[in-house]
Each structure stands twice: as structure tokens, then as C-alpha cells.
Amino acid sequence: MAAGKQSFVLYHDIRQPLELLTDAERGQLFLALLDYSEHGTLPDFAGAQQMAFVFIKTAIDRDTAAWEDKREKRRAAGSEGGKQRAANLANASFACADEANQANQAVPAPVPAPVPVPAIKKGTDKPPRAPRFSPPSVDEVSAYCEERSNGVDAQAFCDFYASKGWKVGNSPMKDWKAAVRSWERREREQNSHEKRGGWDFDDFT
């Protein structure tokens, strides 16, 4: 089975085939599922016990394939992020060299530009309202995720919050970039939990 995967998920729909087995057969089945998930070993079952094993094995194979696909995408994203960081370092070195060449040249002191002060209506001390939140596009989220090299799936992020009406809990979202960073932290925590051998969970709520 997949190297590095320390767990598998059991779904509620396995109850019906399990009810056809005795307690002893269920125990044998569970141990066989552990052997298959960890080593790929197939048991020598027959009848209802074999049917139950095949039913659960199909779900394990499906989840394992999805897990390997997700891991490969994250590895590719990490590789691209490393190349981008190397390019940024090279650009920074060239910029430092240009600054050194210009260090002895007289540069006039910059004149600060006037900062416009928002007008406040007479007779009130309330500041102007903050700009209204506008949901980002998938491309905007993808560009921000590439900038952070976090491997977050921009399409999944947009679909998730669009289904919730772009709300965080019960409150309207104010900063989608902050939500991306929170998503990024939760994925790191989930990956760390999986490496320690914990149970798998579905997406975050």
C-alpha cells in the first residue's frame, strides 16, 4: 500500500455487511483490513466475510489513490516554490549590487507625498465605512497561494467558502487572504497528525 500512509477510514455504510458476520468473523475481518492497509496482504476469506472485505477494500483503495494524488501535487508545488525562492534570492543579489554602484551618487532627498485625509461629515465623529468585502476569484486565490508556496487548492478553497456564503463561522468574511493563511495552517496540522499515525478526517468545517 501507500508508503507513509498510517491510517485508513471506515465509513458508516459498512454496517450492513458487518451485520451478516459473527463477532469472531468481524474481529478477523478487522485484522485483515489492517494487514491489507499496511502491507497489501489479501486474506483467505469466503462467503459473507469475503464480500464484506471486498466492499471495504474498495473504499480503502479509493481513499489511498486520492491521498497519493494529493501528496504528489503538494510535492510538485513545493518543488516549484523552491525554484521561485532561488530566483528571488538571485534577483535580490543583483539589486544589492546595483545599490552598491549607486551609493556614491548624490541623491536628492525624497519629498513625501501628501496623504489625503478622508473627509468626515460635519456634525458626526464616525469614520468612513471600510470597503465592502468582495469575494476573490480562483485565479486571485491561486496567485496568492503560489506566492506563499503553501500548496493550498485554490478551487477547493473558493468552493468551500462560496457554499458557506463567504462566512467565517457565522460572521461575514472580511479578509480572504487571512482565511487562506488559516486554511494553510490547518492543512499543516492535519499532515502532522497523519504522520503521527492518527485517524483521517474529512475536510475542515
Protein backbone atom coordinates (compact mmCIF):
# COMPACT_ATOMS: atom_id res chain seq x y z
CA MET A 1 0.00 0.00 0.00
CA ALA A 2 0.99 3.69 0.02
CA ALA A 3 4.30 4.35 1.80
CA GLY A 4 3.89 6.87 4.60
CA LYS A 5 0.12 6.46 5.00
CA GLN A 6 -0.53 5.43 8.58
CA SER A 7 -4.31 5.03 8.66
CA PHE A 8 -7.50 4.33 6.76
CA VAL A 9 -11.14 5.41 7.10
CA LEU A 10 -14.11 3.22 7.96
CA TYR A 11 -17.47 4.53 6.70
CA HIS A 12 -20.93 4.05 8.15
CA ASP A 13 -22.14 2.17 5.08
CA ILE A 14 -20.13 -0.90 6.14
CA ARG A 15 -22.65 -1.61 8.93
CA GLN A 16 -24.95 -3.71 6.71
CA PRO A 17 -22.31 -6.24 5.52
CA LEU A 18 -20.86 -6.41 9.07
CA GLU A 19 -24.26 -7.37 10.49
CA LEU A 20 -24.11 -10.58 8.45
CA LEU A 21 -20.98 -11.71 10.38
CA THR A 22 -20.40 -13.14 13.83
CA ASP A 23 -18.30 -11.25 16.37
CA ALA A 24 -15.36 -13.57 15.71
CA GLU A 25 -15.61 -13.03 11.95
CA ARG A 26 -15.73 -9.27 12.47
CA GLY A 27 -12.54 -9.44 14.52
CA GLN A 28 -10.81 -11.48 11.81
CA LEU A 29 -12.06 -9.03 9.19
CA PHE A 30 -10.71 -6.01 11.07
CA LEU A 31 -7.25 -7.57 11.44
CA ALA A 32 -7.30 -8.47 7.74
CA LEU A 33 -8.13 -4.85 6.87
CA LEU A 34 -5.17 -3.65 8.95
CA ASP A 35 -2.87 -6.13 7.15
CA TYR A 36 -4.16 -5.02 3.75
CA SER A 37 -3.90 -1.29 4.52
CA GLU A 38 -0.36 -1.62 5.88
CA HIS A 39 1.16 -4.41 3.75
CA GLY A 40 -1.28 -5.06 0.90
CA THR A 41 -1.89 -8.61 2.16
CA LEU A 42 -5.10 -10.29 0.93
CA PRO A 43 -6.92 -12.68 3.31
CA ASP A 44 -8.28 -16.15 2.54
CA PHE A 45 -11.97 -15.49 3.28
CA ALA A 46 -15.16 -16.95 1.84
CA GLY A 47 -18.85 -16.16 1.73
CA ALA A 48 -20.19 -13.12 3.59
CA GLN A 49 -16.79 -12.44 5.17
CA GLN A 50 -15.13 -12.16 1.75
CA MET A 51 -17.95 -9.94 0.46
CA ALA A 52 -17.52 -7.59 3.44
CA PHE A 53 -13.75 -7.46 2.92
CA VAL A 54 -14.08 -6.62 -0.80
CA PHE A 55 -16.67 -3.94 -0.03
CA ILE A 56 -14.40 -2.18 2.50
CA LYS A 57 -11.25 -2.78 0.40
CA THR A 58 -12.79 -0.78 -2.47
CA ALA A 59 -13.14 2.26 -0.21
CA ILE A 60 -9.59 1.85 1.12
CA ASP A 61 -8.17 1.68 -2.44
CA ARG A 62 -10.16 4.76 -3.47
CA ASP A 63 -9.00 6.80 -0.44
CA THR A 64 -5.40 5.67 -0.89
CA ALA A 65 -5.37 6.78 -4.54
CA ALA A 66 -6.78 10.19 -3.57
CA TRP A 67 -4.20 10.52 -0.79
CA GLU A 68 -1.31 9.70 -3.12
CA ASP A 69 -2.59 12.16 -5.74
CA LYS A 70 -2.84 14.94 -3.14
CA ARG A 71 0.65 14.18 -1.80
CA GLU A 72 2.13 14.28 -5.30
CA LYS A 73 0.51 17.66 -6.01
CA ARG A 74 1.92 19.08 -2.77
CA ARG A 75 5.38 17.73 -3.60
CA ALA A 76 5.24 19.37 -7.05
CA ALA A 77 4.05 22.65 -5.54
CA GLY A 78 6.90 22.56 -3.02
CA SER A 79 9.43 21.99 -5.79
CA GLU A 80 8.12 24.97 -7.77
CA GLY A 81 8.19 27.08 -4.62
CA GLY A 82 11.87 26.22 -4.06
CA LYS A 83 12.73 27.30 -7.61
CA GLN A 84 10.89 30.58 -7.10
CA ARG A 85 12.75 31.27 -3.84
CA ALA A 86 16.08 30.67 -5.58
CA ALA A 87 15.10 33.10 -8.33
CA ASN A 88 14.08 35.70 -5.73
CA LEU A 89 17.45 35.37 -3.98
CA ALA A 90 19.26 35.85 -7.29
CA ASN A 91 17.21 38.96 -8.05
CA ALA A 92 17.93 40.32 -4.58
CA SER A 93 21.68 39.85 -5.13
CA PHE A 94 21.55 41.82 -8.40
CA ALA A 95 19.57 44.56 -6.69
CA CYS A 96 22.17 44.86 -3.91
CA ALA A 97 24.95 45.16 -6.49
CA ASP A 98 23.08 47.97 -8.26
CA GLU A 99 22.60 49.81 -4.98
CA ALA A 100 26.31 49.50 -4.20
CA ASN A 101 27.22 51.00 -7.59
CA GLN A 102 24.98 53.98 -6.94
CA ALA A 103 25.98 54.52 -3.31
CA ASN A 104 28.38 57.41 -4.08
CA GLN A 105 25.95 59.30 -6.30
CA ALA A 106 24.16 62.30 -4.83
CA VAL A 107 20.50 61.50 -4.47
CA PRO A 108 18.08 64.27 -3.62
CA ALA A 109 16.03 63.69 -0.52
CA PRO A 110 12.58 62.44 -1.48
CA VAL A 111 9.70 64.77 -0.81
CA PRO A 112 6.91 62.94 0.99
CA ALA A 113 3.68 62.98 -0.95
CA PRO A 114 0.70 64.46 0.83
CA VAL A 115 -1.56 61.84 2.34
CA PRO A 116 -5.24 62.51 1.72
CA VAL A 117 -7.31 62.55 4.86
CA PRO A 118 -10.82 61.11 4.47
CA ALA A 119 -13.43 63.78 4.94
CA ILE A 120 -15.72 63.38 7.93
CA LYS A 121 -19.20 64.71 7.65
CA LYS A 122 -19.87 67.73 9.76
CA GLY A 123 -21.73 67.03 12.96
CA THR A 124 -20.51 63.42 13.34
CA ASP A 125 -17.34 61.77 14.58
CA LYS A 126 -17.89 58.47 12.77
CA PRO A 127 -15.06 57.48 10.36
CA PRO A 128 -15.93 56.43 6.80
CA ARG A 129 -17.02 52.84 6.33
CA ALA A 130 -14.45 50.23 5.36
CA PRO A 131 -14.60 48.98 1.76
CA ARG A 132 -17.19 46.25 1.26
CA PHE A 133 -15.80 42.70 1.03
CA SER A 134 -15.65 41.29 -2.48
CA PRO A 135 -15.13 37.50 -2.89
CA PRO A 136 -11.86 36.69 -4.71
CA SER A 137 -11.66 34.75 -7.93
CA VAL A 138 -9.99 31.34 -8.15
CA ASP A 139 -7.10 32.96 -10.05
CA GLU A 140 -6.55 35.52 -7.29
CA VAL A 141 -6.50 32.83 -4.62
CA SER A 142 -4.22 30.64 -6.75
CA ALA A 143 -1.77 33.53 -7.27
CA TYR A 144 -1.68 34.24 -3.53
CA CYS A 145 -1.13 30.54 -2.72
CA GLU A 146 1.71 30.35 -5.26
CA GLU A 147 3.26 33.44 -3.67
CA ARG A 148 3.17 31.68 -0.27
CA SER A 149 4.13 28.26 -1.74
CA ASN A 150 1.60 26.64 0.58
CA GLY A 151 0.12 24.02 -1.78
CA VAL A 152 -3.46 25.07 -0.95
CA ASP A 153 -6.03 24.05 -3.60
CA ALA A 154 -7.49 27.42 -4.68
CA GLN A 155 -10.54 25.85 -6.33
CA ALA A 156 -11.39 23.85 -3.19
CA PHE A 157 -10.94 26.97 -1.04
CA CYS A 158 -13.30 29.07 -3.20
CA ASP A 159 -15.90 26.27 -3.48
CA PHE A 160 -15.90 25.73 0.29
CA TYR A 161 -16.43 29.36 1.28
CA ALA A 162 -18.83 30.02 -1.61
CA SER A 163 -21.02 27.21 -0.24
CA LYS A 164 -20.98 28.96 3.15
CA GLY A 165 -21.87 32.36 1.69
CA TRP A 166 -18.29 33.61 2.27
CA LYS A 167 -18.73 33.47 6.02
CA VAL A 168 -16.25 32.52 8.75
CA GLY A 169 -18.38 30.79 11.35
CA ASN A 170 -21.50 32.98 11.50
CA SER A 171 -19.71 36.23 10.58
CA PRO A 172 -19.18 37.61 7.05
CA MET A 173 -15.61 37.23 5.82
CA LYS A 174 -13.53 40.42 5.94
CA ASP A 175 -10.11 39.28 4.70
CA TRP A 176 -9.90 36.30 2.34
CA LYS A 177 -6.09 36.27 2.49
CA ALA A 178 -6.28 35.74 6.26
CA ALA A 179 -8.70 32.86 5.59
CA VAL A 180 -6.15 31.32 3.15
CA ARG A 181 -3.46 31.51 5.85
CA SER A 182 -5.78 29.83 8.37
CA TRP A 183 -6.56 27.09 5.80
CA GLU A 184 -2.83 26.67 5.26
CA ARG A 185 -2.19 26.21 9.00
CA ARG A 186 -4.98 23.66 9.34
CA GLU A 187 -3.58 21.59 6.47
CA ARG A 188 -0.13 21.59 8.10
CA GLU A 189 -1.68 20.46 11.38
CA GLN A 190 -3.62 17.70 9.63
CA ASN A 191 -0.47 16.49 7.82
CA SER A 192 1.40 16.45 11.13
CA HIS A 193 -1.42 14.47 12.72
CA GLU A 194 -1.39 11.91 9.90
CA LYS A 195 2.40 11.45 10.22
CA ARG A 196 1.96 10.62 13.92
CA GLY A 197 -0.41 7.80 12.96
CA GLY A 198 -3.72 9.42 13.90
CA TRP A 199 -7.09 8.83 12.27
CA ASP A 200 -8.00 10.54 8.99
CA PHE A 201 -10.72 13.17 8.98
CA ASP A 202 -12.72 14.76 6.18
CA ASP A 203 -12.20 18.40 5.15
CA PHE A 204 -12.28 21.19 7.69
CA THR A 205 -15.54 22.80 8.71
